[in-house]
């Protein structure tokens, strides 16, 4: 596959793309997907909007801060100056971002792209060991971090082989990124990147627990807005977006930054919120488009806050399967028809969805315009309608793992194989059945069971363990750990909490096992292979 001449002087990303023979098939069937050869997505999302409309129109709202499009452009340009002039960034180098959802994190994201850098998005909850793995995988050279959550990053960067220049923001002082930025010019000459230059390395957890990084091009960032957002959400400049997912998730990045800015709309950013605070914020700020997981919609309904949601035009759900009961309850109490969807970090965002009267409750939806979706059997042939099979997709975005042999598992015969089992009906609607692998999806978070196992096995009292997902009416699934303790150690009533706290100190807190069971041995085959299905079946029978 022929690529355009790159603007990247640091060639790490292009050097570590998978071989073109292992790429998925790409299709650009919509006119809006025909992008120019030279494209900087930051310029398209921000500079072009300011140039064609009022720079004083609202863009970002967070707490007491209100940024216009012009102010975001100014600060993004200033961050780009700091990166290139003070830190010495050259196009192609990777910049790790770490912070809660707030305007300065957005300015950093745009500043990196304007300077020709490659963004490495990370969740605020990640611990030092997880951050260290991502730094080593992506060879990040720089890190921009909110001063309030710097400790884990400092610990991570102190134990990697290559130097990582870290700059904190929001803490004050002359060395702070914000202080440096305000001294810089408000204009910046954007690097003339190619449409197929890598813009982002977005981490995603694999079932082995070892991280993968998906490689998104500049054109991919716009493609998700010009497919799902444009044709399903149909946003307008008057819309106000909000949601709970971190910007480190492509679900959050799309819903809270890419989609609203592509439409000239505005976004309410919340660093964190309770269910009551979310409902109140939606009402007080006139939010019209809300992005969150089914767990949050269920909680909003259970707390009696439904009336505060009636001003919403769209509710978007992704990250886990949306129960049909939640969809009907929201419709009955608010008149809002939740837009369900499935996406993947590998695909950047949602590729299967439906809105309005096109929704069939219980179904995820139909192929988003610009994408082709199928259910395949084990031989890679289309499965008959009504027959479960592997969900597969082709479109303008697709999987490119950074130097990872698992590329061959995700991309097969040109299709992106998502790891989900679905049924397609005769009308082209797709109905979710289950995950095809050992990934646990809990309250919208993807949790790799083997990663939790590895953390548990670091505890001195654990001989071995196995982690599976169990169905849960509130979270969709919970992490369940079956643990074998070393001889002489018994559960005295405190061991469960001790193991849970151990995992929380080792991994992001949402990954800890909410359910723990102790056994004398784990079920295995004659060849020693762990029989995870027996663990699930045993718990199902016990409930």
Protein backbone atom coordinates (compact mmCIF):
# COMPACT_ATOMS: atom_id res chain seq x y z
CA UNK A 1 0.00 0.00 0.00
CA UNK A 2 1.45 3.32 -1.08
CA UNK A 3 1.59 6.05 1.58
CA UNK A 4 1.94 9.78 1.03
CA UNK A 5 5.28 11.45 1.82
CA UNK A 6 5.34 11.82 5.61
CA UNK A 7 5.91 15.03 7.55
CA UNK A 8 7.40 12.98 10.38
CA UNK A 9 11.13 13.46 10.88
CA UNK A 10 11.02 10.84 13.62
CA UNK A 11 9.93 7.79 11.61
CA UNK A 12 9.08 5.50 14.53
CA UNK A 13 5.37 5.24 13.70
CA UNK A 14 5.76 4.51 10.01
CA UNK A 15 8.56 2.09 10.77
CA UNK A 16 6.28 0.14 13.10
CA UNK A 17 3.09 0.01 11.06
CA UNK A 18 2.07 -3.58 10.32
CA UNK A 19 3.02 -4.85 6.86
CA UNK A 20 0.53 -3.61 4.28
CA UNK A 21 -0.41 -7.22 3.50
CA UNK A 22 -1.80 -7.46 7.04
CA UNK A 23 -3.89 -4.29 6.85
CA UNK A 24 -7.67 -4.51 6.66
CA UNK A 25 -9.44 -3.47 3.52
CA UNK A 26 -10.36 0.23 3.57
CA UNK A 27 -13.39 1.70 1.82
CA UNK A 28 -14.18 5.38 1.24
CA UNK A 29 -17.66 5.11 -0.20
CA UNK A 30 -19.01 8.49 0.92
CA UNK A 31 -17.97 11.73 -0.84
CA UNK A 32 -17.05 13.36 2.49
CA UNK A 33 -14.43 10.65 3.09
CA UNK A 34 -12.31 11.75 0.14
CA UNK A 35 -9.74 13.77 2.06
CA UNK A 36 -6.82 15.72 0.56
CA UNK A 37 -3.38 14.11 0.60
CA UNK A 38 -2.07 16.74 3.03
CA UNK A 39 -4.24 16.95 6.12
CA UNK A 40 -3.74 18.00 9.74
CA UNK A 41 -6.85 16.94 11.64
CA UNK A 42 -6.26 19.57 14.34
CA UNK A 43 -6.39 22.31 11.72
CA UNK A 44 -9.53 20.82 10.19
CA UNK A 45 -11.32 20.58 13.54
CA UNK A 46 -10.22 23.90 15.01
CA UNK A 47 -8.52 26.38 12.67
CA UNK A 48 -11.00 25.81 9.86
CA UNK A 49 -13.99 26.23 12.19
CA UNK A 50 -12.63 29.50 13.60
CA UNK A 51 -11.87 30.73 10.11
CA UNK A 52 -15.38 30.02 8.83
CA UNK A 53 -17.43 31.14 11.85
CA UNK A 54 -17.41 33.39 14.90
CA UNK A 55 -14.27 32.76 17.00
CA UNK A 56 -16.18 33.96 20.08
CA UNK A 57 -18.79 31.21 19.86
CA UNK A 58 -18.77 28.84 22.88
CA UNK A 59 -16.57 25.77 22.62
CA UNK A 60 -15.61 24.29 26.02
CA UNK A 61 -17.28 24.73 29.42
CA UNK A 62 -15.78 23.25 32.58
CA UNK A 63 -16.47 24.42 36.13
CA UNK A 64 -15.95 28.19 36.10
CA UNK A 65 -14.05 28.15 32.80
CA UNK A 66 -15.66 29.04 29.50
CA UNK A 67 -13.49 28.83 26.42
CA UNK A 68 -14.53 30.10 23.02
CA UNK A 69 -13.29 28.53 19.81
CA UNK A 70 -10.84 31.39 19.49
CA UNK A 71 -9.49 30.85 23.02
CA UNK A 72 -9.01 27.12 22.47
CA UNK A 73 -7.19 27.86 19.21
CA UNK A 74 -4.95 30.39 20.97
CA UNK A 75 -4.03 28.01 23.80
CA UNK A 76 -3.51 25.05 21.44
CA UNK A 77 -1.12 27.18 19.36
CA UNK A 78 0.71 28.24 22.53
CA UNK A 79 1.09 24.62 23.63
CA UNK A 80 2.51 23.79 20.20
CA UNK A 81 5.08 26.56 20.66
CA UNK A 82 6.07 25.20 24.08
CA UNK A 83 6.49 21.71 22.65
CA UNK A 84 8.61 22.77 19.70
CA UNK A 85 10.58 25.68 21.14
CA UNK A 86 11.02 24.78 24.82
CA UNK A 87 11.03 20.98 24.65
CA UNK A 88 12.45 20.49 21.17
CA UNK A 89 9.73 18.20 19.80
CA UNK A 90 10.14 17.25 16.16
CA UNK A 91 7.32 15.89 13.96
CA UNK A 92 6.61 12.23 14.59
CA UNK A 93 7.68 12.10 18.22
CA UNK A 94 5.17 10.72 20.71
CA UNK A 95 3.66 12.81 23.50
CA UNK A 96 1.83 11.08 26.35
CA UNK A 97 -1.17 12.96 27.75
CA UNK A 98 -2.50 12.32 31.25
CA UNK A 99 -5.28 14.31 32.86
CA UNK A 100 -8.99 14.48 33.67
CA UNK A 101 -11.47 15.90 31.18
CA UNK A 102 -10.84 19.65 31.17
CA UNK A 103 -10.03 22.40 28.64
CA UNK A 104 -6.26 22.26 29.11
CA UNK A 105 -6.18 18.56 28.25
CA UNK A 106 -8.04 19.40 25.02
CA UNK A 107 -5.58 22.23 24.30
CA UNK A 108 -2.70 19.79 24.81
CA UNK A 109 -4.28 17.27 22.43
CA UNK A 110 -4.62 19.89 19.69
CA UNK A 111 -1.19 21.37 20.41
CA UNK A 112 0.56 18.04 19.94
CA UNK A 113 -1.15 17.43 16.59
CA UNK A 114 -0.52 20.96 15.36
CA UNK A 115 3.18 20.50 16.10
CA UNK A 116 3.22 17.26 14.10
CA UNK A 117 3.53 15.10 17.19
CA UNK A 118 1.71 11.83 17.85
CA UNK A 119 -0.68 11.75 20.81
CA UNK A 120 -0.52 8.82 23.24
CA UNK A 121 -3.76 8.95 25.20
CA UNK A 122 -3.79 7.48 28.72
CA UNK A 123 -6.50 7.15 31.34
CA UNK A 124 -6.08 9.09 34.59
CA UNK A 125 -6.65 5.92 36.64
CA UNK A 126 -3.65 4.02 35.26
CA UNK A 127 -0.92 3.07 37.73
CA UNK A 128 2.82 3.44 37.28
CA UNK A 129 3.36 -0.10 36.01
CA UNK A 130 0.68 0.29 33.36
CA UNK A 131 2.05 3.69 32.32
CA UNK A 132 5.57 2.30 32.12
CA UNK A 133 4.41 -0.44 29.73
CA UNK A 134 2.77 2.15 27.46
CA UNK A 135 5.82 4.42 27.51
CA UNK A 136 8.07 1.54 26.56
CA UNK A 137 5.66 0.33 23.88
CA UNK A 138 5.18 3.72 22.21
CA UNK A 139 8.67 5.09 22.93
CA UNK A 140 7.04 8.30 24.17
CA UNK A 141 9.57 11.13 24.38
CA UNK A 142 7.41 13.70 26.17
CA UNK A 143 4.54 13.73 28.66
CA UNK A 144 2.06 16.48 29.53
CA UNK A 145 0.30 15.76 32.81
CA UNK A 146 -2.16 17.40 35.18
CA UNK A 147 -0.18 18.22 38.33
CA UNK A 148 -2.77 16.52 40.56
CA UNK A 149 -2.09 13.05 39.16
CA UNK A 150 1.63 13.29 38.48
CA UNK A 151 2.93 10.82 41.09
CA UNK A 152 2.26 7.61 39.16
CA UNK A 153 3.70 9.12 35.97
CA UNK A 154 6.85 10.32 37.74
CA UNK A 155 7.34 6.84 39.15
CA UNK A 156 6.80 5.30 35.71
CA UNK A 157 9.18 7.59 33.85
CA UNK A 158 11.85 7.06 36.48
CA UNK A 159 12.07 3.38 35.64
CA UNK A 160 12.18 3.36 31.83
CA UNK A 161 15.33 3.10 29.78
CA UNK A 162 14.85 6.22 27.63
CA UNK A 163 14.42 9.71 29.02
CA UNK A 164 10.90 11.14 29.01
CA UNK A 165 10.59 14.90 29.38
CA UNK A 166 7.58 15.60 31.60
CA UNK A 167 5.81 18.93 31.86
CA UNK A 168 3.01 19.46 34.39
CA UNK A 169 0.08 21.82 34.02
CA UNK A 170 -2.32 23.53 36.40
CA UNK A 171 -0.09 23.72 39.45
CA UNK A 172 1.27 27.22 39.05
CA UNK A 173 4.88 28.37 38.98
CA UNK A 174 7.04 29.52 36.09
CA UNK A 175 7.84 25.95 34.94
CA UNK A 176 4.16 25.03 34.62
CA UNK A 177 2.91 24.40 31.07
CA UNK A 178 0.12 26.97 31.48
CA UNK A 179 2.59 29.65 32.62
CA UNK A 180 4.89 28.88 29.71
CA UNK A 181 2.05 28.82 27.22
CA UNK A 182 0.60 32.23 28.02
CA UNK A 183 3.98 33.78 27.19
CA UNK A 184 3.92 32.31 23.67
CA UNK A 185 2.32 33.72 20.50
CA UNK A 186 -1.29 32.80 19.82
CA UNK A 187 -0.54 31.83 16.22
CA UNK A 188 1.28 28.72 15.01
CA UNK A 189 2.20 27.38 11.58
CA UNK A 190 0.65 23.90 11.65
CA UNK A 191 2.90 21.07 10.47
CA UNK A 192 1.81 19.93 7.02
CA UNK A 193 1.11 16.32 7.90
CA UNK A 194 -0.11 13.73 5.44
CA UNK A 195 -3.64 12.40 5.74
CA UNK A 196 -2.06 9.00 6.38
CA UNK A 197 0.48 10.19 8.94
CA UNK A 198 -0.18 8.68 12.37
CA UNK A 199 -1.96 11.16 14.64
CA UNK A 200 -2.67 8.97 17.66
CA UNK A 201 -1.49 5.84 19.41
CA UNK A 202 -4.56 4.79 21.39
CA UNK A 203 -3.96 1.97 23.87
CA UNK A 204 -6.36 -0.94 24.16
CA UNK A 205 -6.06 -3.88 26.53
CA UNK A 206 -5.77 -7.32 24.99
CA UNK A 207 -7.02 -10.53 26.50
CA UNK A 208 -3.46 -11.39 27.47
CA UNK A 209 -3.29 -8.25 29.57
CA UNK A 210 -0.32 -6.90 27.65
CA UNK A 211 -1.23 -3.55 26.07
CA UNK A 212 -1.65 -2.91 22.37
CA UNK A 213 -1.55 0.49 20.71
CA UNK A 214 -3.83 1.18 17.78
CA UNK A 215 -2.47 3.58 15.16
CA UNK A 216 -4.96 6.18 13.93
CA UNK A 217 -4.17 8.43 10.98
CA UNK A 218 -5.15 12.09 10.68
CA UNK A 219 -7.86 11.09 8.21
CA UNK A 220 -9.26 8.53 10.69
CA UNK A 221 -9.96 11.27 13.24
CA UNK A 222 -12.19 13.06 10.75
CA UNK A 223 -13.72 9.88 9.31
CA UNK A 224 -15.49 8.92 12.54
CA UNK A 225 -17.10 12.37 12.62
CA UNK A 226 -18.06 12.19 8.95
CA UNK A 227 -19.73 8.78 9.36
CA UNK A 228 -21.33 8.04 12.75
CA UNK A 229 -21.65 11.63 13.95
CA UNK A 230 -22.79 13.15 10.67
CA UNK A 231 -25.22 10.44 9.59
CA UNK A 232 -26.52 9.06 12.90
CA UNK A 233 -26.28 11.95 15.38
CA UNK A 234 -26.66 14.75 12.81
CA UNK A 235 -25.24 17.42 15.15
CA UNK A 236 -25.81 21.15 14.71
CA UNK A 237 -23.81 24.18 15.93
CA UNK A 238 -26.48 24.71 18.60
CA UNK A 239 -25.87 21.33 20.24
CA UNK A 240 -24.18 21.04 23.64
CA UNK A 241 -22.34 17.74 24.14
CA UNK A 242 -21.48 16.13 27.49
CA UNK A 243 -20.59 12.72 28.85
CA UNK A 244 -18.70 10.61 31.35
CA UNK A 245 -16.06 8.70 29.32
CA UNK A 246 -12.46 9.92 29.67
CA UNK A 247 -10.95 11.63 26.64
CA UNK A 248 -8.37 8.83 26.73
CA UNK A 249 -11.13 6.53 25.42
CA UNK A 250 -11.81 7.05 21.73
CA UNK A 251 -15.51 6.87 22.73
CA UNK A 252 -14.99 9.94 24.92
CA UNK A 253 -12.62 11.69 22.53
CA UNK A 254 -15.10 11.36 19.70
CA UNK A 255 -18.18 12.28 21.69
CA UNK A 256 -16.69 15.20 23.61
CA UNK A 257 -14.11 16.70 21.23
CA UNK A 258 -14.12 15.44 17.64
CA UNK A 259 -17.87 15.34 17.00
CA UNK A 260 -18.86 18.69 18.55
CA UNK A 261 -15.94 20.59 17.01
CA UNK A 262 -16.54 19.08 13.58
CA UNK A 263 -20.07 20.52 13.82
CA UNK A 264 -19.11 23.84 15.44
CA UNK A 265 -21.00 22.85 18.61
CA UNK A 266 -19.92 23.15 22.25
CA UNK A 267 -18.99 20.69 25.01
CA UNK A 268 -19.49 20.53 28.76
CA UNK A 269 -16.42 18.83 30.26
CA UNK A 270 -16.72 17.23 33.70
CA UNK A 271 -13.66 15.90 35.48
CA UNK A 272 -15.87 13.58 37.51
CA UNK A 273 -19.49 13.50 38.59
CA UNK A 274 -21.97 11.54 40.61
CA UNK A 275 -25.22 10.48 39.01
CA UNK A 276 -27.05 13.41 40.62
CA UNK A 277 -24.36 15.85 39.51
CA UNK A 278 -24.50 14.56 35.96
CA UNK A 279 -28.27 14.94 35.74
CA UNK A 280 -28.12 18.43 37.26
CA UNK A 281 -25.36 19.49 34.88
CA UNK A 282 -27.31 18.22 31.87
CA UNK A 283 -30.30 20.30 32.95
CA UNK A 284 -28.48 23.48 33.99
CA UNK A 285 -26.17 23.67 30.96
CA UNK A 286 -28.79 22.76 28.37
CA UNK A 287 -26.97 19.64 27.22
CA UNK A 288 -28.53 18.16 24.11
CA UNK A 289 -26.25 15.16 23.36
CA UNK A 290 -25.10 12.86 26.16
CA UNK A 291 -22.48 10.09 25.89
CA UNK A 292 -22.21 7.46 28.61
CA UNK A 293 -22.45 3.73 29.32
CA UNK A 294 -25.64 1.75 30.00
CA UNK A 295 -24.69 1.54 33.68
CA UNK A 296 -24.96 5.32 33.99
CA UNK A 297 -28.31 5.49 32.22
CA UNK A 298 -29.64 2.83 34.58
CA UNK A 299 -28.36 4.82 37.57
CA UNK A 300 -29.90 8.07 36.29
CA UNK A 301 -33.28 6.39 36.04
CA UNK A 302 -33.03 4.69 39.44
CA UNK A 303 -32.28 7.94 41.28
CA UNK A 304 -35.43 9.63 40.02
CA UNK A 305 -33.54 12.18 37.90
CA UNK A 306 -35.34 11.38 34.65
CA UNK A 307 -37.12 14.75 34.49
CA UNK A 308 -33.76 16.55 34.34
CA UNK A 309 -32.91 14.66 31.15
CA UNK A 310 -35.92 15.65 29.08
CA UNK A 311 -34.04 18.48 27.34
CA UNK A 312 -31.69 16.00 25.72
CA UNK A 313 -31.98 15.45 21.99
CA UNK A 314 -29.78 12.35 21.90
CA UNK A 315 -28.52 9.84 24.45
CA UNK A 316 -25.67 7.72 23.09
CA UNK A 317 -24.74 4.42 24.71
CA UNK A 318 -21.65 2.32 24.02
CA UNK A 319 -18.91 0.47 25.85
CA UNK A 320 -21.13 -2.49 26.72
CA UNK A 321 -24.39 -4.04 25.59
CA UNK A 322 -27.45 -1.87 26.28
CA UNK A 323 -30.17 -3.95 28.02
CA UNK A 324 -33.52 -3.64 26.31
CA UNK A 325 -35.18 -2.94 29.67
CA UNK A 326 -33.05 0.19 30.15
CA UNK A 327 -33.94 1.40 26.65
CA UNK A 328 -37.67 1.00 27.31
CA UNK A 329 -37.51 2.63 30.75
CA UNK A 330 -35.71 5.68 29.34
CA UNK A 331 -38.24 5.93 26.53
CA UNK A 332 -41.17 5.67 28.94
CA UNK A 333 -39.88 8.20 31.48
CA UNK A 334 -38.32 10.78 29.16
CA UNK A 335 -39.43 10.07 25.61
CA UNK A 336 -35.76 9.70 24.65
CA UNK A 337 -34.83 6.75 22.40
CA UNK A 338 -31.28 5.82 23.45
CA UNK A 339 -28.91 5.46 20.50
CA UNK A 340 -27.04 2.20 21.06
CA UNK A 341 -23.83 1.49 19.23
CA UNK A 342 -20.78 -0.70 19.11
CA UNK A 343 -17.32 0.51 18.25
CA UNK A 344 -13.75 -0.47 19.00
CA UNK A 345 -10.54 1.37 19.68
CA UNK A 346 -9.16 -0.44 16.62
CA UNK A 347 -11.94 1.13 14.52
CA UNK A 348 -11.65 4.49 16.35
CA UNK A 349 -15.39 4.76 17.10
CA UNK A 350 -18.90 3.45 16.45
CA UNK A 351 -19.58 1.57 13.21
CA UNK A 352 -22.90 -0.12 14.06
CA UNK A 353 -25.85 1.92 15.36
CA UNK A 354 -29.31 3.37 14.70
CA UNK A 355 -31.21 6.49 15.75
CA UNK A 356 -34.77 7.72 16.03
CA UNK A 357 -37.45 5.65 14.37
CA UNK A 358 -34.74 3.47 12.82
CA UNK A 359 -34.07 1.93 16.25
CA UNK A 360 -35.22 -1.58 17.05
CA UNK A 361 -35.08 -1.98 20.84
CA UNK A 362 -32.68 -4.76 21.80
CA UNK A 363 -30.72 -4.58 18.56
CA UNK A 364 -27.43 -2.67 18.40
CA UNK A 365 -28.45 -1.26 15.03
CA UNK A 366 -27.37 -1.39 11.39
CA UNK A 367 -24.13 -0.57 9.64
CA UNK A 368 -23.27 3.12 9.98
CA UNK A 369 -23.09 4.80 6.54
CA UNK A 370 -19.54 4.38 5.27
CA UNK A 371 -19.12 0.94 6.89
CA UNK A 372 -19.87 -2.59 5.77
CA UNK A 373 -20.70 -5.05 8.57
CA UNK A 374 -21.17 -8.82 8.40
CA UNK A 375 -21.49 -11.90 10.60
CA UNK A 376 -18.96 -14.54 9.57
CA UNK A 377 -18.70 -18.22 10.36
CA UNK A 378 -15.46 -19.84 11.51
CA UNK A 379 -14.32 -20.27 7.89
CA UNK A 380 -14.73 -16.57 7.14
CA UNK A 381 -17.91 -16.94 5.09
CA UNK A 382 -21.09 -14.93 5.74
CA UNK A 383 -23.28 -16.75 8.24
CA UNK A 384 -26.97 -17.16 7.34
CA UNK A 385 -29.27 -14.55 8.88
CA UNK A 386 -30.36 -15.68 12.33
CA UNK A 387 -27.17 -17.69 12.90
CA UNK A 388 -24.61 -16.54 15.49
CA UNK A 389 -21.16 -15.71 14.17
CA UNK A 390 -18.19 -13.38 14.40
CA UNK A 391 -18.84 -9.68 13.91
CA UNK A 392 -16.72 -8.29 11.08
CA UNK A 393 -16.43 -4.78 9.65
CA UNK A 394 -14.80 -2.87 6.79
CA UNK A 395 -14.85 0.90 6.35
CA UNK A 396 -12.74 4.07 6.24
CA UNK A 397 -11.06 3.16 9.56
CA UNK A 398 -9.50 -0.11 10.64
CA UNK A 399 -7.01 -1.93 12.79
CA UNK A 400 -3.31 -1.15 12.61
CA UNK A 401 -1.50 -2.32 15.73
CA UNK A 402 1.86 -0.84 16.65
CA UNK A 403 4.41 -3.64 16.07
CA UNK A 404 2.13 -6.37 17.39
CA UNK A 405 1.72 -9.94 16.17
CA UNK A 406 -1.93 -9.84 17.23
CA UNK A 407 -2.62 -7.89 14.02
CA UNK A 408 -3.13 -11.26 12.32
CA UNK A 409 -5.86 -12.17 14.79
CA UNK A 410 -7.83 -8.95 14.43
CA UNK A 411 -7.57 -8.63 10.64
CA UNK A 412 -8.58 -11.67 8.60
CA UNK A 413 -9.18 -11.67 4.85
CA UNK A 414 -9.51 -7.89 4.88
CA UNK A 415 -12.12 -7.85 7.65
CA UNK A 416 -11.71 -6.37 11.12
CA UNK A 417 -12.83 -9.14 13.50
CA UNK A 418 -13.99 -7.39 16.66
CA UNK A 419 -14.20 -10.36 19.03
CA UNK A 420 -17.99 -10.12 19.43
CA UNK A 421 -20.60 -12.73 18.60
CA UNK A 422 -23.68 -11.35 16.82
CA UNK A 423 -26.75 -12.41 14.88
CA UNK A 424 -27.88 -10.48 11.80
CA UNK A 425 -31.58 -10.48 10.94
CA UNK A 426 -33.17 -10.30 7.50
CA UNK A 427 -33.57 -6.52 7.74
CA UNK A 428 -29.88 -5.90 8.38
CA UNK A 429 -30.14 -5.31 12.13
CA UNK A 430 -27.44 -6.80 14.34
CA UNK A 431 -28.21 -8.44 17.70
CA UNK A 432 -25.48 -8.85 20.32
CA UNK A 433 -24.90 -12.33 21.78
CA UNK A 434 -21.60 -12.30 23.73
CA UNK A 435 -17.92 -11.48 23.72
CA UNK A 436 -15.93 -14.03 21.77
CA UNK A 437 -12.89 -13.85 24.03
CA UNK A 438 -12.06 -13.47 27.71
CA UNK A 439 -12.44 -9.70 27.82
CA UNK A 440 -14.70 -8.58 30.66
CA UNK A 441 -16.82 -5.50 29.92
CA UNK A 442 -17.88 -4.00 33.26
CA UNK A 443 -19.69 -0.65 33.51
CA UNK A 444 -18.26 0.32 30.12
CA UNK A 445 -14.64 -0.59 30.95
CA UNK A 446 -12.75 -3.29 29.08
CA UNK A 447 -10.86 -5.44 31.59
CA UNK A 448 -8.52 -8.22 30.53
CA UNK A 449 -8.90 -11.17 32.90
CA UNK A 450 -5.28 -12.33 32.56
CA UNK A 451 -4.04 -8.89 33.56
CA UNK A 452 -5.98 -9.11 36.84
CA UNK A 453 -4.66 -12.64 37.34
CA UNK A 454 -1.10 -11.41 36.97
CA UNK A 455 -1.70 -8.74 39.61
CA UNK A 456 -3.26 -11.20 42.05
CA UNK A 457 -0.43 -13.66 41.61
CA UNK A 458 2.02 -11.03 42.82
CA UNK A 459 0.44 -11.31 46.28
CA UNK A 460 2.60 -13.58 48.46
CA UNK A 461 -0.37 -15.67 49.66
CA UNK A 462 -1.67 -16.52 46.17
CA UNK A 463 -0.48 -19.73 44.52
CA UNK A 464 -2.57 -19.40 41.39
CA UNK A 465 -5.83 -17.84 40.29
CA UNK A 466 -8.25 -17.44 37.42
CA UNK A 467 -10.38 -14.44 36.55
CA UNK A 468 -13.63 -14.52 34.60
CA UNK A 469 -16.57 -12.22 34.05
CA UNK A 470 -19.91 -12.97 35.66
CA UNK A 471 -23.21 -11.42 34.54
CA UNK A 472 -24.36 -8.56 36.74
CA UNK A 473 -27.68 -6.68 36.45
CA UNK A 474 -26.12 -3.33 37.32
CA UNK A 475 -22.63 -3.34 35.75
CA UNK A 476 -23.28 -5.74 32.89
CA UNK A 477 -20.51 -7.98 34.24
CA UNK A 478 -18.26 -8.09 37.29
CA UNK A 479 -14.70 -9.34 37.64
CA UNK A 480 -14.75 -12.65 39.53
CA UNK A 481 -11.51 -14.15 40.85
CA UNK A 482 -11.08 -17.78 41.83
CA UNK A 483 -8.02 -17.98 44.07
CA UNK A 484 -5.87 -20.83 45.40
CA UNK A 485 -4.04 -19.74 48.57
CA UNK A 486 -0.68 -21.17 49.66
CA UNK A 487 -0.75 -23.96 52.25
CA UNK A 488 -1.46 -22.80 55.78
CA UNK A 489 -3.24 -19.61 54.68
CA UNK A 490 -6.97 -19.50 55.22
CA UNK A 491 -9.57 -16.85 54.69
CA UNK A 492 -10.25 -15.32 58.09
CA UNK A 493 -12.80 -12.89 56.74
CA UNK A 494 -10.28 -10.21 55.75
CA UNK A 495 -8.47 -11.95 52.88
CA UNK A 496 -10.95 -10.87 50.22
CA UNK A 497 -10.53 -7.19 51.06
CA UNK A 498 -6.76 -7.63 51.28
CA UNK A 499 -6.58 -9.10 47.78
CA UNK A 500 -8.92 -6.47 46.38
CA UNK A 501 -6.80 -3.67 47.85
CA UNK A 502 -3.68 -5.32 46.44
CA UNK A 503 -5.12 -5.22 42.91
CA UNK A 504 -6.23 -1.61 43.35
CA UNK A 505 -2.65 -0.65 44.25
CA UNK A 506 -1.28 -2.50 41.23
CA UNK A 507 -3.78 -1.72 38.50
CA UNK A 508 -6.36 0.92 37.72
CA UNK A 509 -8.99 0.61 40.51
CA UNK A 510 -11.87 -0.32 38.19
CA UNK A 511 -10.09 -3.61 37.39
CA UNK A 512 -10.23 -5.09 40.89
CA UNK A 513 -12.28 -8.29 41.43
CA UNK A 514 -15.61 -7.40 43.00
CA UNK A 515 -16.21 -11.08 43.63
CA UNK A 516 -13.62 -13.48 45.09
CA UNK A 517 -13.90 -17.23 45.61
CA UNK A 518 -11.35 -19.50 47.30
CA UNK A 519 -10.70 -23.05 46.08
CA UNK A 520 -8.19 -25.82 46.73
CA UNK A 521 -7.42 -26.17 43.00
CA UNK A 522 -8.46 -24.80 39.61
CA UNK A 523 -10.23 -27.01 37.04
CA UNK A 524 -7.85 -28.07 34.25
CA UNK A 525 -7.81 -30.46 31.31
CA UNK A 526 -5.53 -33.50 31.16
CA UNK A 527 -3.00 -31.33 29.35
CA UNK A 528 -3.09 -28.69 32.09
CA UNK A 529 -5.19 -26.12 30.22
CA UNK A 530 -7.36 -24.01 32.51
CA UNK A 531 -11.09 -24.63 32.02
CA UNK A 532 -12.54 -21.15 32.47
CA UNK A 533 -15.96 -22.23 31.32
CA UNK A 534 -16.27 -24.50 34.37
CA UNK A 535 -15.67 -21.51 36.64
CA UNK A 536 -18.42 -19.57 34.92
CA UNK A 537 -20.79 -22.54 34.89
CA UNK A 538 -20.21 -23.22 38.59
CA UNK A 539 -21.08 -19.65 39.53
CA UNK A 540 -24.11 -19.62 37.24
CA UNK A 541 -25.42 -22.78 38.91
CA UNK A 542 -24.82 -21.28 42.37
CA UNK A 543 -26.87 -18.16 41.65
